N, C-alpha and C. Protein backbone atom coordinates (compact mmCIF):
# COMPACT_ATOMS: atom_id res chain seq x y z
N MET A 1 162.15 59.04 100.38
CA MET A 1 161.69 57.46 100.85
C MET A 1 161.98 56.87 101.66
N ASP A 2 161.49 56.54 102.76
CA ASP A 2 162.34 55.25 103.96
C ASP A 2 161.59 54.15 103.28
N VAL A 3 162.13 53.03 102.89
CA VAL A 3 162.14 51.16 102.30
C VAL A 3 162.04 50.75 103.60
N ARG A 4 161.90 49.51 103.83
CA ARG A 4 162.26 48.42 104.95
C ARG A 4 162.34 47.33 104.15
N SER A 5 162.37 46.16 104.12
CA SER A 5 161.85 44.99 103.51
C SER A 5 161.64 44.33 104.91
N ALA A 6 161.69 42.69 104.79
CA ALA A 6 160.78 41.61 105.62
C ALA A 6 159.83 41.08 104.94
N GLY A 7 159.62 39.70 105.85
CA GLY A 7 159.61 37.96 105.11
C GLY A 7 158.39 37.98 106.32
N THR A 8 156.78 36.83 104.93
CA THR A 8 156.72 36.39 105.98
C THR A 8 156.17 35.20 106.22
N GLU A 9 157.65 34.68 105.40
CA GLU A 9 157.45 32.63 106.03
C GLU A 9 158.53 32.99 107.38
N ALA A 10 158.76 31.67 107.78
CA ALA A 10 159.50 31.21 108.78
C ALA A 10 161.15 32.11 108.34
N ALA A 11 161.27 30.95 107.93
CA ALA A 11 162.67 31.26 107.58
C ALA A 11 163.38 32.69 107.25
N ALA A 12 162.13 33.08 107.22
CA ALA A 12 162.45 34.88 107.17
C ALA A 12 164.02 35.73 107.40
N ARG A 13 164.86 35.61 106.76
CA ARG A 13 166.10 36.65 107.60
C ARG A 13 165.69 37.70 108.31
N ILE A 14 164.33 38.55 108.32
CA ILE A 14 163.72 39.46 108.87
C ILE A 14 162.63 38.90 108.63
N LYS A 15 161.65 38.83 109.47
CA LYS A 15 160.16 38.78 109.72
C LYS A 15 159.27 39.91 109.96
N VAL A 16 158.48 39.87 109.70
CA VAL A 16 157.78 41.05 109.73
C VAL A 16 156.69 41.33 110.83
N SER A 17 156.67 42.56 111.09
CA SER A 17 155.98 42.55 113.21
C SER A 17 155.37 43.18 112.60
N ASN A 18 155.23 43.41 114.00
CA ASN A 18 153.64 44.87 113.83
C ASN A 18 154.76 46.11 113.74
N GLY A 19 155.45 46.51 113.92
CA GLY A 19 155.96 47.37 114.36
C GLY A 19 157.22 48.19 112.46
N HIS A 20 156.77 46.58 111.25
CA HIS A 20 156.00 47.51 110.14
C HIS A 20 155.46 47.28 109.96
N ILE A 21 154.33 46.50 110.05
CA ILE A 21 153.03 47.77 110.06
C ILE A 21 152.06 48.49 110.03
N GLY A 22 152.39 48.85 111.78
CA GLY A 22 152.51 50.20 112.52
C GLY A 22 153.21 51.99 111.32
N TRP A 23 155.17 51.19 111.38
CA TRP A 23 155.45 51.77 110.88
C TRP A 23 154.82 52.36 108.85
N ALA A 24 154.62 51.52 108.87
CA ALA A 24 154.63 51.66 107.03
C ALA A 24 153.33 52.52 106.63
N ASP A 25 153.08 53.18 105.62
CA ASP A 25 151.92 53.93 104.92
C ASP A 25 152.02 52.76 103.48
N VAL A 26 153.06 52.83 103.33
CA VAL A 26 152.36 51.60 102.12
C VAL A 26 153.25 50.52 101.91
N ILE A 27 152.66 49.00 101.93
CA ILE A 27 152.82 47.60 101.71
C ILE A 27 152.24 47.22 100.45
N PHE A 28 154.00 46.45 100.79
CA PHE A 28 154.03 45.95 99.11
C PHE A 28 154.64 44.25 98.82
N VAL A 29 153.95 43.79 97.99
CA VAL A 29 153.75 42.11 97.94
C VAL A 29 154.73 42.14 96.99
N MET A 30 154.92 40.86 96.83
CA MET A 30 155.25 40.02 95.54
C MET A 30 153.71 38.99 95.69
N GLU A 31 153.22 38.72 96.24
CA GLU A 31 152.33 37.14 96.04
C GLU A 31 151.05 37.63 96.83
N LYS A 32 149.61 36.74 96.81
CA LYS A 32 148.41 36.80 96.92
C LYS A 32 148.45 36.46 98.12
N LYS A 33 149.73 34.85 97.75
CA LYS A 33 149.32 34.36 99.52
C LYS A 33 150.30 35.14 101.24
N HIS A 34 151.14 36.23 100.13
CA HIS A 34 151.50 37.16 101.29
C HIS A 34 150.59 38.00 101.89
N ILE A 35 149.31 38.25 101.51
CA ILE A 35 148.55 38.98 101.17
C ILE A 35 147.41 38.55 102.80
N ARG A 36 147.46 37.40 102.57
CA ARG A 36 146.32 36.46 102.99
C ARG A 36 147.06 36.69 104.28
N ARG A 37 148.55 35.89 104.18
CA ARG A 37 150.04 35.74 106.19
C ARG A 37 149.11 37.16 106.42
N LEU A 38 149.51 38.12 105.88
CA LEU A 38 149.58 39.62 106.29
C LEU A 38 148.20 40.15 107.57
N LYS A 39 147.04 39.48 106.73
CA LYS A 39 146.20 39.64 107.45
C LYS A 39 145.72 38.41 107.72
N ASP A 40 146.13 37.53 107.68
CA ASP A 40 145.77 36.76 109.25
C ASP A 40 146.77 36.48 110.57
N ARG A 41 147.83 37.35 110.42
CA ARG A 41 148.62 37.88 111.53
C ARG A 41 148.49 38.66 111.80
N PHE A 42 148.04 40.02 110.91
CA PHE A 42 147.38 41.13 111.40
C PHE A 42 146.94 41.70 110.94
N GLY A 43 145.62 41.27 110.99
CA GLY A 43 145.12 41.13 110.58
C GLY A 43 144.14 42.94 110.75
N PRO A 44 143.21 43.53 111.97
CA PRO A 44 142.92 45.26 112.05
C PRO A 44 143.74 46.10 112.27
N MET A 45 145.04 45.91 111.83
CA MET A 45 146.39 46.44 112.00
C MET A 45 146.31 47.04 110.58
N LEU A 46 146.13 46.48 109.57
CA LEU A 46 146.24 46.39 108.49
C LEU A 46 145.24 47.29 107.44
N ASN A 47 144.19 47.35 108.41
CA ASN A 47 142.31 48.39 108.30
C ASN A 47 143.34 49.43 107.36
N ASN A 48 144.24 50.90 107.71
CA ASN A 48 143.92 51.79 106.82
C ASN A 48 145.43 52.41 105.58
N LYS A 49 146.02 51.52 105.61
CA LYS A 49 147.14 50.37 104.82
C LYS A 49 146.40 50.11 102.70
N ARG A 50 147.33 50.49 103.11
CA ARG A 50 147.27 50.27 101.12
C ARG A 50 148.74 48.98 100.91
N ILE A 51 148.02 48.09 100.18
CA ILE A 51 148.77 46.59 100.13
C ILE A 51 148.62 46.82 98.65
N TRP A 52 149.86 46.31 97.62
CA TRP A 52 149.85 46.31 96.78
C TRP A 52 150.75 45.11 96.49
N ASN A 53 150.00 43.96 95.15
CA ASN A 53 150.44 42.91 94.91
C ASN A 53 150.97 42.93 93.03
N LEU A 54 152.43 42.92 94.02
CA LEU A 54 153.24 43.77 92.97
C LEU A 54 152.86 41.65 91.31
N ASP A 55 153.05 40.89 92.20
CA ASP A 55 152.93 39.51 90.80
C ASP A 55 153.78 39.54 90.82
N ILE A 56 154.81 39.20 91.42
CA ILE A 56 156.28 38.34 91.16
C ILE A 56 157.22 37.11 91.67
N PRO A 57 157.01 36.52 91.10
CA PRO A 57 156.80 34.49 92.53
C PRO A 57 158.32 35.40 93.52
N ASP A 58 157.42 34.67 94.61
CA ASP A 58 158.67 34.43 95.27
C ASP A 58 159.59 33.94 95.23
N ASP A 59 160.46 33.43 93.65
CA ASP A 59 161.66 32.34 94.42
C ASP A 59 162.78 32.94 93.58
N TYR A 60 163.02 34.61 93.72
CA TYR A 60 165.00 34.67 93.76
C TYR A 60 165.22 34.67 94.77
N GLY A 61 166.62 34.82 94.68
CA GLY A 61 167.95 34.84 95.82
C GLY A 61 167.82 35.39 96.57
N TYR A 62 167.77 36.65 97.82
CA TYR A 62 168.17 37.93 98.32
C TYR A 62 169.45 38.74 97.63
N MET A 63 169.09 39.27 97.47
CA MET A 63 169.78 40.94 97.05
C MET A 63 170.06 40.38 94.72
N ASP A 64 169.01 39.16 94.29
CA ASP A 64 169.58 38.82 93.06
C ASP A 64 169.21 40.05 92.46
N GLU A 65 169.87 40.67 91.45
CA GLU A 65 169.80 41.67 90.34
C GLU A 65 168.55 41.25 89.27
N GLU A 66 168.36 40.58 89.24
CA GLU A 66 166.55 40.42 87.65
C GLU A 66 165.60 40.59 89.12
N LEU A 67 165.89 40.76 89.95
CA LEU A 67 164.63 41.23 90.98
C LEU A 67 164.92 42.23 91.45
N ILE A 68 165.98 42.56 90.97
CA ILE A 68 165.65 44.19 91.91
C ILE A 68 165.65 44.77 90.16
N GLU A 69 165.47 44.13 89.40
CA GLU A 69 165.20 45.49 88.03
C GLU A 69 163.80 44.88 88.24
N ILE A 70 162.94 43.97 87.72
CA ILE A 70 161.21 43.35 88.55
C ILE A 70 161.17 44.85 89.12
N LEU A 71 161.76 45.09 90.56
CA LEU A 71 160.68 45.29 91.52
C LEU A 71 161.12 47.00 91.11
N LYS A 72 162.07 46.62 90.25
CA LYS A 72 162.09 48.94 90.07
C LYS A 72 161.12 49.51 89.07
N ASN A 73 160.62 47.48 88.05
CA ASN A 73 159.68 48.40 86.95
C ASN A 73 158.12 48.43 88.30
N ARG A 74 157.60 47.56 88.63
CA ARG A 74 156.87 47.01 89.04
C ARG A 74 156.30 47.68 90.10
N VAL A 75 156.83 48.33 90.57
CA VAL A 75 157.02 49.39 91.94
C VAL A 75 156.82 51.39 91.54
N SER A 76 157.40 51.60 90.23
CA SER A 76 157.85 53.02 89.66
C SER A 76 155.75 53.00 89.48
N GLU A 77 155.06 51.56 89.31
CA GLU A 77 154.22 51.64 88.85
C GLU A 77 152.80 52.50 89.54
N TYR A 78 153.29 52.66 90.94
CA TYR A 78 152.58 53.23 91.83
C TYR A 78 153.33 53.82 92.49
N ILE A 79 154.86 53.74 92.16
CA ILE A 79 155.06 55.45 92.53
C ILE A 79 156.09 55.35 92.53
N ASN A 80 156.63 57.15 91.79
CA ASN A 80 157.67 57.73 91.03
C ASN A 80 159.08 57.28 91.81
N ILE A 81 160.36 57.00 91.67
CA ILE A 81 161.39 56.32 92.19
C ILE A 81 162.30 56.84 91.04
N PRO A 82 162.82 58.15 92.26
CA PRO A 82 164.00 58.65 91.23
C PRO A 82 165.12 57.90 91.42
N GLU A 83 165.85 58.47 90.21
CA GLU A 83 167.06 56.49 89.55
C GLU A 83 168.04 57.23 89.67
C-alpha cells in the first residue's frame, strides 16, 4: 500500500492537489466537511473515487499518538492493515 496525507485547510502543511486526487484509488477523510471541500474543489475528478469518512474530529496535532491509534482502528474497518 502506498499512502499519502494532505489537508483541505488553507493552513495545511501539505494541501490536497489535483495530483493527489489523480493518484488516489481510495480517499479517507476525517470529517464530512472534508468531503464537501473536496467536492467543491475537485468535483468531477472524484467521480470514480471511493471516499470514506472516518468520522474523527479534526482537532488533533500532527502525529498525535492517540490520533494514530484511532486512524489505524477506523481505517482497518475498510482495509486490512498489516501489523
